[in-house]
Amino acid sequence: MKESRFTNWRRLFIILAAVNIAIILAIVIFIMWPVASEEYPDKEYIEEAAGAEFTVQSSKDNLSHLVNEYIDKLLKDKNDNYAISLDQEVHLMGTIEAFRSEVPVNITFDPVVQENGDIILQSTEMSLGLLRLPKDKILKYVNDKINTPEWVVIDPKEETIYIALTQMDLKSNYKVRVQQFDLKNDQLTFRIKIPNETLGLE
């Protein structure tokens, strides 16, 4: 009887050890596996289209609210799993499913305005729960779990997110570009292009 119990315990120990080894190997492979670079979309310039332009100013609070509403609709995020906040930097907070549980994700970005009005978000800090993973691996995991539109490109290798605002799909057919994105002084300015065809002028 005692020998049978010892055999069962030994079998359970071997199974548990095998599972732990498999998990460790999976994590090591995930960390060591090379990350490919993503191609940014070709830059577009709203000035090239005929139409009227308007300058719009916003605040961090107003823009945060607008962006979060858009995220909820775009990702069909009814449970508010993802959110953006703006202070001195851009913060992306959310949860993704990993190891059959919800793991919190926190990423901080420094926004860099491009010459055509698009934005590159350069990551400065990030975490995936309590896991100590390289930043590019965390961003790759996020990229694999979140379906983004074509005008949003997550590049794990460069640790950036490229937001091609000039190519954002709007029902109104308007075009948008960033003119100023100064979070420290809360000065956010955008240029809106209304094509002539939208106004019925073509």
N, C-alpha and C. Protein backbone atom coordinates (compact mmCIF):
# COMPACT_ATOMS: atom_id res chain seq x y z
N MET A 1 0.83 -1.21 0.00
CA MET A 1 0.00 0.00 0.00
C MET A 1 0.86 1.26 0.00
N LYS A 2 1.89 1.25 0.88
CA LYS A 2 2.77 2.40 0.95
C LYS A 2 3.54 2.58 -0.35
N GLU A 3 3.92 1.46 -0.94
CA GLU A 3 4.66 1.52 -2.21
C GLU A 3 3.79 2.10 -3.32
N SER A 4 2.49 1.76 -3.28
CA SER A 4 1.55 2.28 -4.28
C SER A 4 1.39 3.79 -4.14
N ARG A 5 1.29 4.26 -2.89
CA ARG A 5 1.18 5.70 -2.66
C ARG A 5 2.44 6.42 -3.10
N PHE A 6 3.59 5.81 -2.80
CA PHE A 6 4.86 6.41 -3.22
C PHE A 6 4.94 6.50 -4.73
N THR A 7 4.46 5.47 -5.41
CA THR A 7 4.47 5.47 -6.88
C THR A 7 3.57 6.56 -7.43
N ASN A 8 2.39 6.75 -6.81
CA ASN A 8 1.47 7.81 -7.26
C ASN A 8 2.07 9.19 -7.04
N TRP A 9 2.69 9.39 -5.88
CA TRP A 9 3.31 10.68 -5.60
C TRP A 9 4.45 10.96 -6.57
N ARG A 10 5.21 9.92 -6.86
CA ARG A 10 6.32 10.09 -7.79
C ARG A 10 5.80 10.43 -9.19
N ARG A 11 4.71 9.79 -9.59
CA ARG A 11 4.12 10.07 -10.90
C ARG A 11 3.61 11.52 -10.97
N LEU A 12 2.94 11.96 -9.91
CA LEU A 12 2.44 13.34 -9.85
C LEU A 12 3.59 14.35 -9.86
N PHE A 13 4.65 14.02 -9.15
CA PHE A 13 5.81 14.91 -9.12
C PHE A 13 6.44 15.04 -10.50
N ILE A 14 6.55 13.91 -11.20
CA ILE A 14 7.13 13.93 -12.55
C ILE A 14 6.26 14.76 -13.49
N ILE A 15 4.93 14.60 -13.39
CA ILE A 15 4.01 15.36 -14.24
C ILE A 15 4.13 16.85 -13.95
N LEU A 16 4.16 17.21 -12.66
CA LEU A 16 4.28 18.62 -12.28
C LEU A 16 5.60 19.20 -12.76
N ALA A 17 6.67 18.44 -12.61
CA ALA A 17 7.98 18.91 -13.07
C ALA A 17 7.99 19.10 -14.58
N ALA A 18 7.35 18.17 -15.29
CA ALA A 18 7.30 18.27 -16.76
C ALA A 18 6.53 19.51 -17.19
N VAL A 19 5.40 19.81 -16.49
CA VAL A 19 4.61 21.00 -16.82
C VAL A 19 5.42 22.26 -16.55
N ASN A 20 6.13 22.32 -15.42
CA ASN A 20 6.94 23.48 -15.10
C ASN A 20 8.06 23.69 -16.12
N ILE A 21 8.69 22.60 -16.52
CA ILE A 21 9.75 22.69 -17.53
C ILE A 21 9.21 23.19 -18.85
N ALA A 22 8.01 22.69 -19.23
CA ALA A 22 7.38 23.11 -20.49
C ALA A 22 7.07 24.61 -20.46
N ILE A 23 6.56 25.11 -19.32
CA ILE A 23 6.25 26.54 -19.19
C ILE A 23 7.52 27.37 -19.28
N ILE A 24 8.57 26.93 -18.58
CA ILE A 24 9.84 27.65 -18.61
C ILE A 24 10.41 27.68 -20.02
N LEU A 25 10.36 26.55 -20.72
CA LEU A 25 10.85 26.50 -22.09
C LEU A 25 10.06 27.43 -23.00
N ALA A 26 8.73 27.46 -22.81
CA ALA A 26 7.88 28.33 -23.63
C ALA A 26 8.25 29.79 -23.42
N ILE A 27 8.49 30.18 -22.16
CA ILE A 27 8.86 31.56 -21.86
C ILE A 27 10.23 31.89 -22.44
N VAL A 28 11.18 30.97 -22.33
CA VAL A 28 12.52 31.19 -22.88
C VAL A 28 12.46 31.34 -24.39
N ILE A 29 11.70 30.47 -25.06
CA ILE A 29 11.57 30.55 -26.51
C ILE A 29 10.91 31.86 -26.91
N PHE A 30 9.88 32.28 -26.15
CA PHE A 30 9.18 33.54 -26.43
C PHE A 30 10.13 34.73 -26.32
N ILE A 31 11.01 34.70 -25.31
CA ILE A 31 11.94 35.80 -25.11
C ILE A 31 13.04 35.79 -26.17
N MET A 32 13.53 34.62 -26.53
CA MET A 32 14.66 34.52 -27.44
C MET A 32 14.27 34.61 -28.90
N TRP A 33 12.98 34.38 -29.20
CA TRP A 33 12.55 34.38 -30.60
C TRP A 33 12.70 35.79 -31.18
N PRO A 34 13.34 35.91 -32.35
CA PRO A 34 13.56 37.25 -32.93
C PRO A 34 12.26 37.94 -33.29
N VAL A 35 12.25 39.27 -33.15
CA VAL A 35 11.08 40.08 -33.46
C VAL A 35 11.30 40.80 -34.79
N ALA A 36 10.36 40.64 -35.70
CA ALA A 36 10.47 41.28 -37.01
C ALA A 36 9.98 42.71 -36.95
N SER A 37 10.55 43.56 -37.80
CA SER A 37 10.14 44.95 -37.87
C SER A 37 8.94 45.10 -38.81
N GLU A 38 8.01 45.96 -38.44
CA GLU A 38 6.83 46.22 -39.27
C GLU A 38 7.08 47.43 -40.16
N GLU A 39 6.46 47.43 -41.33
CA GLU A 39 6.59 48.56 -42.24
C GLU A 39 5.54 49.61 -41.92
N TYR A 40 5.98 50.87 -41.82
CA TYR A 40 5.05 51.96 -41.62
C TYR A 40 4.31 52.24 -42.93
N PRO A 41 3.09 52.73 -42.85
CA PRO A 41 2.37 53.08 -44.09
C PRO A 41 3.03 54.27 -44.79
N ASP A 42 2.87 54.33 -46.09
CA ASP A 42 3.39 55.48 -46.84
C ASP A 42 2.74 56.75 -46.33
N LYS A 43 3.55 57.79 -46.18
CA LYS A 43 3.03 59.04 -45.63
C LYS A 43 2.17 59.78 -46.65
N GLU A 44 1.05 60.29 -46.18
CA GLU A 44 0.19 61.10 -47.02
C GLU A 44 0.15 62.52 -46.47
N TYR A 45 -0.10 63.46 -47.35
CA TYR A 45 -0.13 64.88 -46.97
C TYR A 45 -1.50 65.44 -47.35
N ILE A 46 -2.25 65.88 -46.35
CA ILE A 46 -3.60 66.34 -46.63
C ILE A 46 -3.59 67.63 -47.45
N GLU A 47 -2.46 68.33 -47.48
CA GLU A 47 -2.38 69.56 -48.26
C GLU A 47 -2.49 69.31 -49.77
N GLU A 48 -2.22 68.07 -50.17
CA GLU A 48 -2.24 67.76 -51.59
C GLU A 48 -3.66 67.65 -52.16
N ALA A 49 -4.65 67.48 -51.28
CA ALA A 49 -6.04 67.37 -51.73
C ALA A 49 -6.69 68.75 -51.73
N ALA A 50 -7.53 68.99 -52.74
CA ALA A 50 -8.24 70.27 -52.81
C ALA A 50 -9.34 70.31 -51.77
N GLY A 51 -9.45 71.44 -51.07
CA GLY A 51 -10.49 71.57 -50.07
C GLY A 51 -10.19 72.69 -49.08
N ALA A 52 -11.07 72.83 -48.11
CA ALA A 52 -10.92 73.87 -47.10
C ALA A 52 -10.28 73.29 -45.85
N GLU A 53 -9.42 74.08 -45.22
CA GLU A 53 -8.73 73.63 -44.01
C GLU A 53 -9.14 74.50 -42.82
N PHE A 54 -9.26 73.82 -41.67
CA PHE A 54 -9.59 74.51 -40.43
C PHE A 54 -8.64 74.03 -39.33
N THR A 55 -8.32 74.92 -38.42
CA THR A 55 -7.47 74.57 -37.29
C THR A 55 -8.33 74.40 -36.05
N VAL A 56 -8.13 73.29 -35.36
CA VAL A 56 -8.93 72.97 -34.17
C VAL A 56 -7.98 72.76 -32.99
N GLN A 57 -8.31 73.39 -31.87
CA GLN A 57 -7.53 73.21 -30.65
C GLN A 57 -8.29 72.34 -29.66
N SER A 58 -7.55 71.57 -28.88
CA SER A 58 -8.17 70.70 -27.89
C SER A 58 -7.33 70.68 -26.63
N SER A 59 -7.86 70.05 -25.60
CA SER A 59 -7.13 69.87 -24.35
C SER A 59 -6.88 68.37 -24.15
N LYS A 60 -6.00 68.06 -23.22
CA LYS A 60 -5.71 66.65 -22.95
C LYS A 60 -6.95 65.90 -22.49
N ASP A 61 -7.76 66.53 -21.65
CA ASP A 61 -8.96 65.87 -21.15
C ASP A 61 -9.95 65.58 -22.28
N ASN A 62 -10.17 66.58 -23.13
CA ASN A 62 -11.11 66.37 -24.23
C ASN A 62 -10.61 65.31 -25.21
N LEU A 63 -9.31 65.34 -25.51
CA LEU A 63 -8.77 64.37 -26.45
C LEU A 63 -8.78 62.97 -25.86
N SER A 64 -8.47 62.84 -24.57
CA SER A 64 -8.52 61.53 -23.92
C SER A 64 -9.91 60.93 -24.02
N HIS A 65 -10.93 61.75 -23.75
CA HIS A 65 -12.31 61.27 -23.82
C HIS A 65 -12.65 60.82 -25.24
N LEU A 66 -12.27 61.62 -26.22
CA LEU A 66 -12.56 61.30 -27.61
C LEU A 66 -11.86 60.02 -28.05
N VAL A 67 -10.57 59.90 -27.71
CA VAL A 67 -9.80 58.72 -28.10
C VAL A 67 -10.35 57.46 -27.45
N ASN A 68 -10.72 57.53 -26.18
CA ASN A 68 -11.24 56.35 -25.49
C ASN A 68 -12.60 55.92 -26.05
N GLU A 69 -13.42 56.89 -26.44
CA GLU A 69 -14.68 56.54 -27.09
C GLU A 69 -14.41 55.84 -28.41
N TYR A 70 -13.41 56.32 -29.13
CA TYR A 70 -13.07 55.73 -30.41
C TYR A 70 -12.51 54.32 -30.23
N ILE A 71 -11.67 54.13 -29.21
CA ILE A 71 -11.10 52.80 -28.92
C ILE A 71 -12.21 51.81 -28.60
N ASP A 72 -13.15 52.23 -27.76
CA ASP A 72 -14.26 51.34 -27.39
C ASP A 72 -15.04 50.89 -28.63
N LYS A 73 -15.27 51.83 -29.54
CA LYS A 73 -16.02 51.50 -30.74
C LYS A 73 -15.19 50.67 -31.72
N LEU A 74 -13.93 51.03 -31.88
CA LEU A 74 -13.07 50.36 -32.83
C LEU A 74 -12.78 48.92 -32.43
N LEU A 75 -12.46 48.71 -31.16
CA LEU A 75 -12.13 47.38 -30.67
C LEU A 75 -13.34 46.64 -30.12
N LYS A 76 -14.52 47.28 -30.21
CA LYS A 76 -15.73 46.71 -29.62
C LYS A 76 -15.48 46.36 -28.16
N ASP A 77 -14.85 47.32 -27.50
CA ASP A 77 -14.40 47.14 -26.12
C ASP A 77 -15.49 47.59 -25.15
N LYS A 78 -16.53 46.76 -25.00
CA LYS A 78 -17.66 47.13 -24.16
C LYS A 78 -17.32 47.10 -22.66
N ASN A 79 -16.28 46.37 -22.32
CA ASN A 79 -15.92 46.25 -20.90
C ASN A 79 -14.81 47.22 -20.48
N ASP A 80 -14.49 48.17 -21.38
CA ASP A 80 -13.44 49.15 -21.08
C ASP A 80 -12.13 48.48 -20.69
N ASN A 81 -11.73 47.47 -21.49
CA ASN A 81 -10.47 46.78 -21.21
C ASN A 81 -9.25 47.61 -21.58
N TYR A 82 -9.45 48.60 -22.45
CA TYR A 82 -8.34 49.43 -22.88
C TYR A 82 -8.69 50.90 -22.71
N ALA A 83 -7.68 51.67 -22.33
CA ALA A 83 -7.92 53.11 -22.14
C ALA A 83 -6.62 53.86 -22.34
N ILE A 84 -6.76 55.11 -22.78
CA ILE A 84 -5.63 56.02 -22.96
C ILE A 84 -5.77 57.16 -21.97
N SER A 85 -4.67 57.55 -21.36
CA SER A 85 -4.66 58.75 -20.53
C SER A 85 -3.48 59.61 -20.95
N LEU A 86 -3.67 60.92 -20.82
CA LEU A 86 -2.65 61.88 -21.22
C LEU A 86 -2.26 62.75 -20.04
N ASP A 87 -0.97 62.79 -19.73
CA ASP A 87 -0.46 63.78 -18.79
C ASP A 87 0.79 64.40 -19.42
N GLN A 88 1.95 64.07 -18.92
CA GLN A 88 3.18 64.52 -19.58
C GLN A 88 3.52 63.61 -20.76
N GLU A 89 2.96 62.40 -20.73
CA GLU A 89 3.18 61.41 -21.78
C GLU A 89 1.85 60.73 -22.10
N VAL A 90 1.91 59.80 -23.04
CA VAL A 90 0.72 59.03 -23.41
C VAL A 90 0.78 57.68 -22.71
N HIS A 91 -0.30 57.31 -22.04
CA HIS A 91 -0.34 56.04 -21.31
C HIS A 91 -1.44 55.14 -21.89
N LEU A 92 -1.05 53.92 -22.24
CA LEU A 92 -2.00 52.90 -22.68
C LEU A 92 -2.13 51.87 -21.58
N MET A 93 -3.36 51.69 -21.08
CA MET A 93 -3.60 50.74 -20.01
C MET A 93 -4.67 49.76 -20.46
N GLY A 94 -4.50 48.51 -20.07
CA GLY A 94 -5.49 47.52 -20.46
C GLY A 94 -5.15 46.16 -19.91
N THR A 95 -5.85 45.15 -20.40
CA THR A 95 -5.60 43.77 -20.02
C THR A 95 -5.64 42.90 -21.26
N ILE A 96 -4.81 41.88 -21.26
CA ILE A 96 -4.86 40.89 -22.33
C ILE A 96 -4.87 39.50 -21.70
N GLU A 97 -5.37 38.55 -22.45
CA GLU A 97 -5.45 37.19 -21.93
C GLU A 97 -4.12 36.49 -22.12
N ALA A 98 -3.56 36.00 -21.03
CA ALA A 98 -2.30 35.26 -21.08
C ALA A 98 -2.32 34.20 -19.99
N PHE A 99 -1.92 33.00 -20.37
CA PHE A 99 -1.90 31.89 -19.42
C PHE A 99 -3.27 31.70 -18.76
N ARG A 100 -4.33 31.87 -19.59
CA ARG A 100 -5.72 31.65 -19.17
C ARG A 100 -6.16 32.60 -18.06
N SER A 101 -5.58 33.75 -18.03
CA SER A 101 -6.00 34.78 -17.06
C SER A 101 -5.79 36.16 -17.67
N GLU A 102 -6.45 37.16 -17.09
CA GLU A 102 -6.32 38.53 -17.56
C GLU A 102 -5.08 39.17 -16.94
N VAL A 103 -4.17 39.59 -17.78
CA VAL A 103 -2.92 40.17 -17.32
C VAL A 103 -2.91 41.67 -17.64
N PRO A 104 -2.66 42.53 -16.66
CA PRO A 104 -2.65 43.98 -16.93
C PRO A 104 -1.45 44.40 -17.76
N VAL A 105 -1.71 45.34 -18.66
CA VAL A 105 -0.67 45.89 -19.52
C VAL A 105 -0.62 47.40 -19.30
N ASN A 106 0.57 47.92 -19.11
CA ASN A 106 0.76 49.37 -18.97
C ASN A 106 1.94 49.79 -19.83
N ILE A 107 1.68 50.70 -20.77
CA ILE A 107 2.73 51.18 -21.66
C ILE A 107 2.71 52.70 -21.68
N THR A 108 3.87 53.29 -21.54
CA THR A 108 4.01 54.75 -21.59
C THR A 108 4.77 55.14 -22.86
N PHE A 109 4.26 56.18 -23.54
CA PHE A 109 4.84 56.59 -24.81
C PHE A 109 5.19 58.08 -24.79
N ASP A 110 6.19 58.40 -25.58
CA ASP A 110 6.53 59.78 -25.87
C ASP A 110 6.10 60.07 -27.30
N PRO A 111 5.12 60.97 -27.52
CA PRO A 111 4.63 61.22 -28.88
C PRO A 111 5.57 62.10 -29.69
N VAL A 112 5.79 61.71 -30.94
CA VAL A 112 6.65 62.48 -31.85
C VAL A 112 5.85 62.78 -33.12
N VAL A 113 5.60 64.07 -33.37
CA VAL A 113 4.82 64.47 -34.54
C VAL A 113 5.69 64.40 -35.79
N GLN A 114 5.17 63.77 -36.84
CA GLN A 114 5.87 63.67 -38.11
C GLN A 114 5.60 64.89 -38.98
N GLU A 115 6.42 65.06 -40.02
CA GLU A 115 6.29 66.25 -40.84
C GLU A 115 4.97 66.33 -41.58
N ASN A 116 4.32 65.19 -41.80
CA ASN A 116 3.03 65.20 -42.51
C ASN A 116 1.84 65.22 -41.55
N GLY A 117 2.10 65.23 -40.24
CA GLY A 117 1.01 65.30 -39.27
C GLY A 117 0.63 63.97 -38.65
N ASP A 118 1.30 62.89 -39.03
CA ASP A 118 1.11 61.62 -38.34
C ASP A 118 1.86 61.66 -37.00
N ILE A 119 1.66 60.62 -36.18
CA ILE A 119 2.33 60.57 -34.88
C ILE A 119 3.02 59.22 -34.70
N ILE A 120 4.23 59.27 -34.18
CA ILE A 120 4.91 58.05 -33.73
C ILE A 120 4.94 58.08 -32.21
N LEU A 121 4.43 57.01 -31.60
CA LEU A 121 4.50 56.87 -30.15
C LEU A 121 5.71 56.01 -29.82
N GLN A 122 6.71 56.62 -29.21
CA GLN A 122 7.93 55.90 -28.84
C GLN A 122 7.80 55.44 -27.40
N SER A 123 7.86 54.13 -27.18
CA SER A 123 7.67 53.61 -25.83
C SER A 123 8.84 54.00 -24.93
N THR A 124 8.51 54.33 -23.69
CA THR A 124 9.53 54.67 -22.69
C THR A 124 9.50 53.70 -21.51
N GLU A 125 8.30 53.23 -21.16
CA GLU A 125 8.15 52.25 -20.09
C GLU A 125 7.01 51.32 -20.44
N MET A 126 7.13 50.06 -20.00
CA MET A 126 6.00 49.14 -20.20
C MET A 126 6.13 47.95 -19.27
N SER A 127 4.99 47.35 -18.97
CA SER A 127 4.96 46.17 -18.12
C SER A 127 3.81 45.28 -18.54
N LEU A 128 4.00 43.99 -18.37
CA LEU A 128 2.96 42.99 -18.63
C LEU A 128 2.77 42.20 -17.35
N GLY A 129 1.85 42.67 -16.51
CA GLY A 129 1.66 42.04 -15.22
C GLY A 129 2.94 42.13 -14.40
N LEU A 130 3.31 40.99 -13.79
CA LEU A 130 4.56 40.93 -13.02
C LEU A 130 5.69 40.31 -13.82
N LEU A 131 5.42 40.01 -15.10
CA LEU A 131 6.43 39.37 -15.93
C LEU A 131 7.53 40.36 -16.28
N ARG A 132 8.76 39.94 -16.14
CA ARG A 132 9.92 40.77 -16.49
C ARG A 132 10.35 40.40 -17.91
N LEU A 133 9.68 40.99 -18.89
CA LEU A 133 9.96 40.69 -20.28
C LEU A 133 10.55 41.91 -20.97
N PRO A 134 11.37 41.69 -22.00
CA PRO A 134 11.88 42.83 -22.79
C PRO A 134 10.72 43.61 -23.39
N LYS A 135 10.94 44.91 -23.61
CA LYS A 135 9.86 45.76 -24.10
C LYS A 135 9.36 45.32 -25.47
N ASP A 136 10.28 44.88 -26.34
CA ASP A 136 9.83 44.47 -27.67
C ASP A 136 8.94 43.23 -27.61
N LYS A 137 9.19 42.34 -26.63
CA LYS A 137 8.36 41.14 -26.50
C LYS A 137 6.97 41.49 -25.98
N ILE A 138 6.91 42.45 -25.05
CA ILE A 138 5.61 42.88 -24.54
C ILE A 138 4.79 43.50 -25.66
N LEU A 139 5.43 44.36 -26.44
CA LEU A 139 4.72 45.02 -27.53
C LEU A 139 4.29 44.02 -28.61
N LYS A 140 5.10 43.00 -28.84
CA LYS A 140 4.72 41.96 -29.80
C LYS A 140 3.50 41.20 -29.29
N TYR A 141 3.48 40.91 -28.00
CA TYR A 141 2.34 40.21 -27.42
C TYR A 141 1.08 41.04 -27.54
N VAL A 142 1.20 42.33 -27.28
CA VAL A 142 0.05 43.22 -27.42
C VAL A 142 -0.40 43.27 -28.88
N ASN A 143 0.56 43.34 -29.80
CA ASN A 143 0.25 43.38 -31.23
C ASN A 143 -0.49 42.13 -31.68
N ASP A 144 -0.11 40.99 -31.12
CA ASP A 144 -0.76 39.72 -31.49
C ASP A 144 -2.18 39.63 -30.93
N LYS A 145 -2.45 40.34 -29.84
CA LYS A 145 -3.74 40.21 -29.17
C LYS A 145 -4.75 41.27 -29.57
N ILE A 146 -4.28 42.39 -30.12
CA ILE A 146 -5.18 43.50 -30.45
C ILE A 146 -5.25 43.67 -31.97
N ASN A 147 -6.47 43.70 -32.49
CA ASN A 147 -6.66 43.96 -33.91
C ASN A 147 -6.74 45.47 -34.14
N THR A 148 -5.75 45.99 -34.82
CA THR A 148 -5.71 47.43 -35.09
C THR A 148 -6.04 47.70 -36.55
N PRO A 149 -6.55 48.89 -36.86
CA PRO A 149 -6.82 49.24 -38.27
C PRO A 149 -5.51 49.41 -39.03
N GLU A 150 -5.60 49.48 -40.36
CA GLU A 150 -4.40 49.56 -41.19
C GLU A 150 -3.57 50.81 -40.92
N TRP A 151 -4.21 51.87 -40.46
CA TRP A 151 -3.47 53.12 -40.25
C TRP A 151 -2.80 53.19 -38.88
N VAL A 152 -2.89 52.10 -38.11
CA VAL A 152 -2.17 51.99 -36.83
C VAL A 152 -1.23 50.80 -36.93
N VAL A 153 0.07 51.05 -36.86
CA VAL A 153 1.07 50.00 -37.01
C VAL A 153 1.89 49.88 -35.73
N ILE A 154 1.81 48.72 -35.09
CA ILE A 154 2.62 48.45 -33.90
C ILE A 154 3.90 47.77 -34.36
N ASP A 155 5.04 48.39 -34.04
CA ASP A 155 6.34 47.85 -34.45
C ASP A 155 7.11 47.43 -33.20
N PRO A 156 7.03 46.14 -32.83
CA PRO A 156 7.71 45.68 -31.62
C PRO A 156 9.22 45.88 -31.66
N LYS A 157 9.82 45.68 -32.84
CA LYS A 157 11.28 45.78 -32.93
C LYS A 157 11.77 47.18 -32.60
N GLU A 158 11.06 48.19 -33.13
CA GLU A 158 11.44 49.58 -32.86
C GLU A 158 10.79 50.11 -31.59
N GLU A 159 9.91 49.30 -30.99
CA GLU A 159 9.20 49.67 -29.75
C GLU A 159 8.38 50.93 -29.94
N THR A 160 7.68 50.99 -31.07
CA THR A 160 6.89 52.17 -31.41
C THR A 160 5.50 51.77 -31.91
N ILE A 161 4.62 52.77 -31.91
CA ILE A 161 3.32 52.64 -32.58
C ILE A 161 3.20 53.82 -33.53
N TYR A 162 3.00 53.53 -34.82
CA TYR A 162 2.84 54.58 -35.81
C TYR A 162 1.34 54.80 -36.03
N ILE A 163 0.89 56.03 -35.83
CA ILE A 163 -0.51 56.37 -36.02
C ILE A 163 -0.62 57.30 -37.21
N ALA A 164 -1.10 56.75 -38.33
CA ALA A 164 -1.23 57.53 -39.57
C ALA A 164 -2.58 58.25 -39.54
N LEU A 165 -2.64 59.33 -38.78
CA LEU A 165 -3.88 60.09 -38.66
C LEU A 165 -4.39 60.57 -40.02
N THR A 166 -3.46 60.87 -40.92
CA THR A 166 -3.86 61.38 -42.24
C THR A 166 -4.59 60.33 -43.06
N GLN A 167 -4.52 59.06 -42.63
CA GLN A 167 -5.20 57.99 -43.36
C GLN A 167 -6.34 57.38 -42.55
N MET A 168 -6.71 58.03 -41.47
CA MET A 168 -7.79 57.53 -40.63
C MET A 168 -9.12 57.58 -41.38
N ASP A 169 -9.90 56.52 -41.29
CA ASP A 169 -11.18 56.44 -41.97
C ASP A 169 -12.25 57.17 -41.18
N LEU A 170 -12.79 58.22 -41.76
CA LEU A 170 -13.86 58.99 -41.15
C LEU A 170 -15.06 59.01 -42.10
N LYS A 171 -16.24 58.80 -41.55
CA LYS A 171 -17.45 58.78 -42.38
C LYS A 171 -17.66 60.10 -43.12
N SER A 172 -17.22 61.17 -42.51
CA SER A 172 -17.41 62.49 -43.12
C SER A 172 -16.45 62.73 -44.28
N ASN A 173 -15.47 61.82 -44.44
CA ASN A 173 -14.46 61.96 -45.48
C ASN A 173 -13.47 63.08 -45.17
N TYR A 174 -13.51 63.61 -43.94
CA TYR A 174 -12.55 64.63 -43.54
C TYR A 174 -11.16 64.00 -43.41
N LYS A 175 -10.13 64.83 -43.49
CA LYS A 175 -8.76 64.41 -43.27
C LYS A 175 -8.21 65.17 -42.07
N VAL A 176 -7.40 64.48 -41.27
CA VAL A 176 -6.87 65.09 -40.04
C VAL A 176 -5.36 64.95 -40.00
N ARG A 177 -4.71 65.99 -39.51
CA ARG A 177 -3.27 65.93 -39.25
C ARG A 177 -2.98 66.69 -37.97
N VAL A 178 -1.93 66.27 -37.29
CA VAL A 178 -1.51 66.97 -36.07
C VAL A 178 -0.61 68.14 -36.44
N GLN A 179 -0.90 69.27 -35.85
CA GLN A 179 -0.04 70.44 -36.06
C GLN A 179 0.86 70.67 -34.85
N GLN A 180 0.29 70.48 -33.66
CA GLN A 180 1.07 70.64 -32.43
C GLN A 180 0.55 69.65 -31.40
N PHE A 181 1.48 68.98 -30.70
CA PHE A 181 1.08 67.99 -29.69
C PHE A 181 1.97 68.18 -28.48
N ASP A 182 1.75 69.28 -27.76
CA ASP A 182 2.55 69.66 -26.60
C ASP A 182 1.78 69.30 -25.34
N LEU A 183 2.07 68.09 -24.81
CA LEU A 183 1.35 67.63 -23.63
C LEU A 183 1.73 68.41 -22.37
N LYS A 184 2.97 68.80 -22.27
CA LYS A 184 3.43 69.50 -21.06
C LYS A 184 2.68 70.81 -20.86
N ASN A 185 2.42 71.51 -21.96
CA ASN A 185 1.72 72.80 -21.87
C ASN A 185 0.25 72.70 -22.26
N ASP A 186 -0.21 71.47 -22.46
CA ASP A 186 -1.61 71.22 -22.81
C ASP A 186 -2.04 72.02 -24.05
N GLN A 187 -1.20 71.99 -25.05
CA GLN A 187 -1.49 72.68 -26.30
C GLN A 187 -1.53 71.65 -27.43
N LEU A 188 -2.73 71.28 -27.82
CA LEU A 188 -2.94 70.27 -28.85
C LEU A 188 -3.70 70.91 -30.01
N THR A 189 -3.08 70.93 -31.16
CA THR A 189 -3.68 71.59 -32.32
C THR A 189 -3.72 70.63 -33.50
N PHE A 190 -4.86 70.61 -34.19
CA PHE A 190 -5.06 69.74 -35.34
C PHE A 190 -5.56 70.56 -36.53
N ARG A 191 -5.21 70.09 -37.72
CA ARG A 191 -5.73 70.70 -38.94
C ARG A 191 -6.70 69.73 -39.58
N ILE A 192 -7.88 70.23 -39.90
CA ILE A 192 -8.93 69.42 -40.51
C ILE A 192 -9.11 69.86 -41.96
N LYS A 193 -9.04 68.90 -42.88
CA LYS A 193 -9.23 69.18 -44.31
C LYS A 193 -10.59 68.63 -44.72
N ILE A 194 -11.43 69.51 -45.29
CA ILE A 194 -12.71 69.09 -45.84
C ILE A 194 -12.59 69.11 -47.37
N PRO A 195 -12.51 67.94 -47.99
CA PRO A 195 -12.33 67.89 -49.44
C PRO A 195 -13.48 68.58 -50.18
N ASN A 196 -13.18 69.15 -51.33
CA ASN A 196 -14.21 69.83 -52.13
C ASN A 196 -15.38 68.91 -52.49
N GLU A 197 -15.06 67.66 -52.74
CA GLU A 197 -16.12 66.71 -53.11
C GLU A 197 -17.13 66.52 -51.99
N THR A 198 -16.65 66.62 -50.73
CA THR A 198 -17.55 66.50 -49.59
C THR A 198 -18.50 67.68 -49.53
N LEU A 199 -18.02 68.84 -49.95
CA LEU A 199 -18.84 70.06 -49.97
C LEU A 199 -19.66 70.17 -51.24
N GLY A 200 -19.54 69.18 -52.13
CA GLY A 200 -20.30 69.21 -53.38
C GLY A 200 -19.76 70.22 -54.37
N LEU A 201 -18.47 70.50 -54.30
CA LEU A 201 -17.85 71.50 -55.17
C LEU A 201 -17.14 70.87 -56.36
N GLU A 202 -17.26 69.54 -56.52
CA GLU A 202 -16.63 68.89 -57.67
C GLU A 202 -17.68 68.12 -58.47
